[in-house]
């Protein structure tokens, strides 16, 4: 379940009662950690943890109407059930809140056992392994925080980090998970391709592609009638700002691929497509997987006086900005190079 906004807002309410300045969402994602006692000790060390917990749960109860299933979660859990993959929950969430989320989603029926209210998951993982006769080498731990990766390794398991949760790519990379996926749909696809063992075949299968050649992609600065360019922010590019685009399909021309990708990612239709430059992106550190891209970069203009941007699940945020203002955003490197090229 996507409870990040609710947890963030509830935490800000706890801070307000304690006379502490609230954190922005980006600051919260960077600073929050499990066990959460460490987080509170840094910001509100003088308030007893049981008092903080009561305040947080009251605030979270008021905010949890915003909690909803994560992208691809339902299909992933159905996939696990259909293939008799034993599944468990290990979470710090309060049991009462989990029940509310389960009533909304119906996900609880997919799990063999649910463990909630666990502040330090490392203290519980060995007992879970023993209680259910699990073989750590055959078990994959899926999580979205450094503590999840630490727990997996503490239990002798491989860890899969998912980018649709609390932590961004940079923090998760530092915890050294065996696998990073953009979302659960990608993990489902990988499990299917590798017969439910993403680590048993050649390492290339856990990278973006098993092709030995660079991957050709298209992307564009899309301008509106005010000469503002569309910027989008994505988890897979370290939550940095960039441009819409993607891979070219076999038999598809580059302009057609660009139109399709822009339509799929933003719901915009574009014209006046102009080629600007090509970039080599060899193992870009900002990208969530090791890859070699050939980036065909364009400019274009969207149709309509008041274009309506509708993002798919590949991006999390968008904005229209002048190219000069775009340089003040936290751009990924290829987009920065493209913006500077167009300005010059």
Protein backbone atom coordinates (compact mmCIF):
# COMPACT_ATOMS: atom_id res chain seq x y z
CA UNK A 1 0.00 0.00 0.00
CA UNK A 2 1.19 3.52 -0.77
CA UNK A 3 1.08 5.12 2.67
CA UNK A 4 4.02 7.51 2.22
CA UNK A 5 1.91 10.71 1.97
CA UNK A 6 -0.15 9.71 5.02
CA UNK A 7 2.91 8.82 7.11
CA UNK A 8 4.61 12.06 6.10
CA UNK A 9 1.59 14.23 6.97
CA UNK A 10 1.04 12.40 10.27
CA UNK A 11 4.71 12.86 11.17
CA UNK A 12 4.48 16.58 10.41
CA UNK A 13 1.53 16.80 12.82
CA UNK A 14 3.61 15.08 15.50
CA UNK A 15 6.41 17.56 14.87
CA UNK A 16 4.00 20.48 15.11
CA UNK A 17 2.74 19.35 18.53
CA UNK A 18 6.35 19.06 19.68
CA UNK A 19 7.20 22.52 18.34
CA UNK A 20 9.48 21.18 15.60
CA UNK A 21 9.42 22.56 12.04
CA UNK A 22 7.84 20.20 9.50
CA UNK A 23 9.83 18.44 6.80
CA UNK A 24 9.06 18.67 3.11
CA UNK A 25 8.17 15.38 1.45
CA UNK A 26 11.61 15.17 -0.15
CA UNK A 27 13.28 15.89 3.19
CA UNK A 28 11.14 13.27 4.89
CA UNK A 29 12.02 10.59 2.33
CA UNK A 30 15.69 11.40 2.83
CA UNK A 31 15.64 11.48 6.63
CA UNK A 32 13.08 8.88 7.69
CA UNK A 33 14.42 5.50 8.73
CA UNK A 34 13.54 2.28 10.49
CA UNK A 35 13.57 1.47 13.32
CA UNK A 36 11.70 4.77 13.59
CA UNK A 37 12.93 5.31 17.15
CA UNK A 38 16.23 6.50 15.62
CA UNK A 39 14.35 9.02 13.48
CA UNK A 40 12.46 10.44 16.45
CA UNK A 41 15.62 10.53 18.58
CA UNK A 42 17.20 12.87 16.04
CA UNK A 43 14.30 15.33 15.93
CA UNK A 44 12.33 14.95 19.19
CA UNK A 45 14.71 13.29 21.67
CA UNK A 46 12.98 14.61 24.81
CA UNK A 47 9.48 13.18 24.14
CA UNK A 48 8.83 9.59 25.33
CA UNK A 49 8.37 7.17 22.44
CA UNK A 50 5.01 5.88 23.71
CA UNK A 51 3.67 9.46 23.69
CA UNK A 52 4.99 10.01 20.16
CA UNK A 53 3.41 6.74 19.05
CA UNK A 54 -0.03 7.72 20.41
CA UNK A 55 0.19 11.10 18.71
CA UNK A 56 1.31 9.57 15.44
CA UNK A 57 -1.43 6.94 15.34
CA UNK A 58 -4.11 9.54 16.04
CA UNK A 59 -2.79 11.69 13.20
CA UNK A 60 -2.33 8.73 10.84
CA UNK A 61 -5.92 7.62 11.47
CA UNK A 62 -7.06 10.99 10.13
CA UNK A 63 -4.81 10.73 7.08
CA UNK A 64 -5.13 7.11 6.03
CA UNK A 65 -8.09 7.76 3.74
CA UNK A 66 -5.38 8.68 1.21
CA UNK A 67 -3.69 5.26 1.44
CA UNK A 68 -4.19 3.23 -1.74
CA UNK A 69 -2.72 0.14 -3.40
CA UNK A 70 0.62 0.61 -5.08
CA UNK A 71 0.88 0.33 -8.83
CA UNK A 72 0.97 -3.33 -9.95
CA UNK A 73 0.46 -4.61 -6.38
CA UNK A 74 -2.80 -6.44 -7.09
CA UNK A 75 -1.51 -8.21 -10.21
CA UNK A 76 1.72 -9.15 -8.46
CA UNK A 77 -0.08 -10.70 -5.49
CA UNK A 78 -2.47 -12.56 -7.79
CA UNK A 79 0.56 -13.84 -9.70
CA UNK A 80 2.12 -15.13 -6.46
CA UNK A 81 -1.09 -16.85 -5.39
CA UNK A 82 -1.67 -18.44 -8.79
CA UNK A 83 1.88 -19.85 -8.80
CA UNK A 84 1.71 -20.98 -5.15
CA UNK A 85 4.54 -18.67 -4.09
CA UNK A 86 4.46 -18.51 -0.30
CA UNK A 87 4.13 -14.88 0.79
CA UNK A 88 4.39 -13.12 4.13
CA UNK A 89 4.16 -9.59 5.51
CA UNK A 90 6.72 -8.13 7.93
CA UNK A 91 5.86 -4.53 8.71
CA UNK A 92 6.20 -1.80 11.31
CA UNK A 93 2.61 -0.67 10.66
CA UNK A 94 0.22 -0.80 13.60
CA UNK A 95 -2.10 -3.85 13.36
CA UNK A 96 -5.22 -1.68 13.44
CA UNK A 97 -4.03 0.39 10.49
CA UNK A 98 -3.15 -2.77 8.57
CA UNK A 99 -6.71 -4.03 9.08
CA UNK A 100 -8.09 -0.80 7.64
CA UNK A 101 -5.84 -1.12 4.58
CA UNK A 102 -6.74 -4.77 4.16
CA UNK A 103 -10.45 -3.93 4.18
CA UNK A 104 -9.82 -1.43 1.41
CA UNK A 105 -7.55 -3.63 -0.72
CA UNK A 106 -8.37 -7.24 0.16
CA UNK A 107 -4.66 -8.06 -0.08
CA UNK A 108 -4.45 -9.86 3.25
CA UNK A 109 -5.86 -13.11 1.85
CA UNK A 110 -2.73 -13.55 -0.29
CA UNK A 111 -0.43 -13.96 2.71
CA UNK A 112 0.31 -17.11 4.67
CA UNK A 113 1.14 -15.09 7.79
CA UNK A 114 1.12 -11.39 8.63
CA UNK A 115 3.52 -9.83 11.12
CA UNK A 116 2.75 -6.19 11.98
CA UNK A 117 3.86 -3.76 14.65
CA UNK A 118 7.47 -4.91 14.33
CA UNK A 119 9.76 -1.96 15.04
CA UNK A 120 13.06 -3.71 14.29
CA UNK A 121 12.52 -6.37 11.62
CA UNK A 122 15.99 -7.83 12.11
CA UNK A 123 14.90 -9.08 15.53
CA UNK A 124 12.02 -11.04 14.00
CA UNK A 125 13.35 -12.44 10.73
CA UNK A 126 15.08 -15.54 12.10
CA UNK A 127 11.99 -16.54 14.09
CA UNK A 128 9.86 -16.23 10.94
CA UNK A 129 12.31 -18.37 8.97
CA UNK A 130 12.23 -21.06 11.66
CA UNK A 131 8.46 -20.94 12.25
CA UNK A 132 7.65 -21.53 8.58
CA UNK A 133 10.53 -23.77 7.57
CA UNK A 134 11.81 -21.28 5.02
CA UNK A 135 15.08 -21.78 3.17
CA UNK A 136 16.79 -18.35 3.15
CA UNK A 137 18.60 -19.07 -0.13
CA UNK A 138 15.21 -19.67 -1.80
CA UNK A 139 13.47 -16.66 -0.27
CA UNK A 140 13.32 -13.15 -1.69
CA UNK A 141 12.76 -10.21 0.67
CA UNK A 142 11.01 -7.26 -1.05
CA UNK A 143 11.16 -3.81 0.55
CA UNK A 144 11.50 -0.09 -0.05
CA UNK A 145 13.85 1.03 2.76
CA UNK A 146 17.43 0.40 3.81
CA UNK A 147 16.16 -1.41 6.90
CA UNK A 148 14.41 -3.95 4.65
CA UNK A 149 17.66 -4.69 2.82
CA UNK A 150 19.52 -4.99 6.13
CA UNK A 151 16.84 -7.36 7.42
CA UNK A 152 17.06 -9.54 4.33
CA UNK A 153 20.82 -9.86 4.62
CA UNK A 154 20.56 -10.44 8.38
CA UNK A 155 18.32 -13.40 7.57
CA UNK A 156 20.59 -14.70 4.80
CA UNK A 157 18.12 -13.78 2.04
CA UNK A 158 18.46 -11.95 -1.24
CA UNK A 159 16.89 -8.49 -1.21
CA UNK A 160 14.81 -6.78 -3.88
CA UNK A 161 14.45 -3.00 -3.50
CA UNK A 162 11.36 -1.39 -5.02
CA UNK A 163 11.44 2.28 -6.04
CA UNK A 164 7.74 3.01 -5.45
CA UNK A 165 8.11 3.46 -1.69
CA UNK A 166 9.75 5.55 0.99
CA UNK A 167 13.34 5.68 -0.22
CA UNK A 168 14.96 6.82 -3.43
CA UNK A 169 17.51 5.11 -5.63
CA UNK A 170 20.65 6.57 -4.08
CA UNK A 171 19.79 5.46 -0.54
CA UNK A 172 18.70 1.99 -1.64
CA UNK A 173 21.83 1.46 -3.74
CA UNK A 174 24.00 2.13 -0.70
CA UNK A 175 22.34 -0.76 1.14
CA UNK A 176 23.43 -3.08 -1.72
CA UNK A 177 20.31 -5.09 -2.57
CA UNK A 178 20.78 -7.96 -5.00
CA UNK A 179 18.07 -6.51 -7.25
CA UNK A 180 16.39 -3.13 -7.80
CA UNK A 181 13.08 -2.84 -9.68
CA UNK A 182 11.02 0.17 -10.61
CA UNK A 183 7.78 -1.45 -9.45
CA UNK A 184 6.22 -4.84 -8.69
CA UNK A 185 5.14 -5.28 -12.29
CA UNK A 186 8.78 -5.36 -13.33
CA UNK A 187 9.55 -7.94 -10.64
CA UNK A 188 6.67 -10.10 -11.85
CA UNK A 189 8.01 -9.98 -15.41
CA UNK A 190 11.52 -10.85 -14.22
CA UNK A 191 10.28 -13.82 -12.20
CA UNK A 192 8.41 -15.12 -15.24
CA UNK A 193 11.45 -14.76 -17.51
CA UNK A 194 13.76 -16.59 -15.07
CA UNK A 195 11.36 -19.35 -13.95
CA UNK A 196 10.93 -17.76 -10.51
CA UNK A 197 14.66 -17.40 -9.81
CA UNK A 198 16.08 -14.08 -11.05
CA UNK A 199 19.58 -15.00 -9.83
CA UNK A 200 20.16 -18.48 -11.22
CA UNK A 201 20.88 -17.46 -14.81
CA UNK A 202 23.45 -15.09 -16.26
CA UNK A 203 23.67 -11.77 -14.49
CA UNK A 204 22.44 -9.91 -17.56
CA UNK A 205 18.89 -11.06 -16.80
CA UNK A 206 18.70 -8.79 -13.77
CA UNK A 207 19.86 -5.81 -15.80
CA UNK A 208 17.59 -3.78 -18.01
CA UNK A 209 18.17 -5.98 -21.04
CA UNK A 210 20.01 -9.15 -22.01
CA UNK A 211 21.01 -7.54 -25.30
CA UNK A 212 24.79 -7.21 -25.86
CA UNK A 213 24.19 -3.97 -27.78
CA UNK A 214 23.30 -0.41 -26.69
CA UNK A 215 19.59 0.32 -26.36
CA UNK A 216 18.25 3.02 -28.74
CA UNK A 217 15.75 5.39 -27.11
CA UNK A 218 13.94 8.61 -27.98
CA UNK A 219 13.11 11.59 -25.80
CA UNK A 220 12.08 15.20 -26.31
CA UNK A 221 11.71 18.62 -24.84
CA UNK A 222 8.00 19.25 -25.38
CA UNK A 223 7.07 22.92 -25.69
CA UNK A 224 3.66 24.50 -25.14
CA UNK A 225 2.34 27.72 -26.67
CA UNK A 226 4.12 29.75 -23.97
CA UNK A 227 7.48 28.26 -24.98
CA UNK A 228 7.63 26.34 -21.72
CA UNK A 229 9.06 22.82 -21.70
CA UNK A 230 7.52 19.84 -19.93
CA UNK A 231 9.67 18.28 -17.20
CA UNK A 232 8.80 15.05 -15.42
CA UNK A 233 10.31 13.48 -12.32
CA UNK A 234 10.78 9.72 -12.02
CA UNK A 235 11.97 7.28 -9.35
CA UNK A 236 14.08 5.32 -11.85
CA UNK A 237 16.24 8.40 -12.56
CA UNK A 238 16.98 9.00 -8.85
CA UNK A 239 13.92 11.26 -8.50
CA UNK A 240 15.58 13.81 -10.76
CA UNK A 241 13.79 15.84 -13.42
CA UNK A 242 13.95 14.75 -17.04
CA UNK A 243 11.97 14.41 -20.25
CA UNK A 244 9.43 11.87 -21.53
CA UNK A 245 10.74 9.11 -23.74
CA UNK A 246 11.56 5.44 -24.04
CA UNK A 247 12.75 2.56 -26.18
CA UNK A 248 12.12 2.24 -29.92
CA UNK A 249 10.11 -0.81 -30.96
CA UNK A 250 11.29 -3.06 -33.79
CA UNK A 251 9.93 -1.76 -37.11
CA UNK A 252 9.07 1.64 -35.64
CA UNK A 253 10.59 4.88 -36.88
CA UNK A 254 12.18 7.18 -34.31
CA UNK A 255 9.54 9.96 -34.72
CA UNK A 256 6.74 7.40 -34.41
CA UNK A 257 8.38 5.97 -31.29
CA UNK A 258 8.63 9.46 -29.85
CA UNK A 259 4.96 10.20 -30.50
CA UNK A 260 3.94 6.87 -28.95
CA UNK A 261 6.11 7.27 -25.84
CA UNK A 262 4.91 10.83 -25.25
CA UNK A 263 1.29 9.72 -25.69
CA UNK A 264 1.73 6.81 -23.27
CA UNK A 265 3.60 8.81 -20.63
CA UNK A 266 1.81 12.18 -20.78
CA UNK A 267 -1.34 11.76 -22.93
CA UNK A 268 -0.06 14.60 -25.15
CA UNK A 269 -0.04 14.67 -28.96
CA UNK A 270 2.92 16.43 -30.56
CA UNK A 271 4.01 17.92 -33.88
CA UNK A 272 6.98 19.88 -35.26
CA UNK A 273 9.49 17.19 -34.23
CA UNK A 274 13.11 18.29 -34.70
CA UNK A 275 16.23 16.22 -34.06
CA UNK A 276 18.76 17.92 -31.76
CA UNK A 277 21.51 15.48 -30.78
CA UNK A 278 22.39 11.93 -29.80
CA UNK A 279 23.95 11.05 -26.46
CA UNK A 280 25.77 8.00 -25.16
CA UNK A 281 24.58 7.11 -21.67
CA UNK A 282 26.90 4.31 -20.54
CA UNK A 283 26.03 2.93 -17.09
CA UNK A 284 24.56 6.26 -15.92
CA UNK A 285 24.85 6.43 -12.13
CA UNK A 286 21.49 8.23 -11.88
CA UNK A 287 19.60 5.35 -13.52
CA UNK A 288 18.35 2.47 -11.41
CA UNK A 289 19.90 -0.26 -13.55
CA UNK A 290 23.20 -0.81 -15.29
CA UNK A 291 22.57 0.00 -18.97
CA UNK A 292 23.99 1.54 -22.12
CA UNK A 293 21.54 3.84 -23.90
CA UNK A 294 21.77 5.71 -27.17
CA UNK A 295 19.58 8.73 -26.46
CA UNK A 296 18.08 10.32 -29.58
CA UNK A 297 17.01 13.76 -28.36
CA UNK A 298 14.41 15.97 -30.06
CA UNK A 299 12.27 19.04 -29.53
CA UNK A 300 8.57 19.16 -30.42
CA UNK A 301 5.38 21.06 -29.69
CA UNK A 302 2.21 19.77 -28.11
CA UNK A 303 -1.16 20.30 -29.71
CA UNK A 304 -3.87 22.42 -28.14
CA UNK A 305 -4.04 25.76 -26.36
CA UNK A 306 -4.38 24.23 -22.89
CA UNK A 307 -2.76 20.80 -23.06
CA UNK A 308 -3.74 18.41 -20.29
CA UNK A 309 -0.87 16.30 -18.95
CA UNK A 310 -1.85 12.86 -17.64
CA UNK A 311 1.10 10.86 -16.32
CA UNK A 312 1.23 7.09 -16.38
CA UNK A 313 2.91 5.16 -13.58
CA UNK A 314 6.43 5.78 -14.92
CA UNK A 315 6.58 9.34 -13.57
CA UNK A 316 5.49 10.93 -10.30
CA UNK A 317 5.45 14.68 -10.98
CA UNK A 318 5.41 17.17 -13.86
CA UNK A 319 5.79 20.89 -14.49
CA UNK A 320 5.98 23.41 -17.33
CA UNK A 321 9.07 25.65 -17.12
CA UNK A 322 11.16 27.86 -19.35
CA UNK A 323 14.48 26.35 -20.35
CA UNK A 324 16.28 28.96 -18.26
CA UNK A 325 14.27 27.93 -15.18
CA UNK A 326 14.75 24.26 -16.03
CA UNK A 327 18.46 24.67 -15.34
CA UNK A 328 17.57 25.48 -11.72
CA UNK A 329 15.81 22.10 -11.31
CA UNK A 330 17.61 18.97 -10.19
CA UNK A 331 17.96 17.59 -13.72
CA UNK A 332 19.41 14.25 -14.67
CA UNK A 333 22.62 14.69 -16.64
CA UNK A 334 21.33 13.81 -20.14
CA UNK A 335 18.47 16.30 -19.77
CA UNK A 336 20.86 18.99 -18.58
CA UNK A 337 23.03 18.41 -21.64
CA UNK A 338 19.96 18.63 -23.94
CA UNK A 339 18.63 21.83 -22.33
CA UNK A 340 22.02 23.53 -22.59
CA UNK A 341 22.35 22.45 -26.23
CA UNK A 342 18.96 23.93 -27.14
CA UNK A 343 19.69 27.17 -25.28
CA UNK A 344 23.00 27.58 -27.05
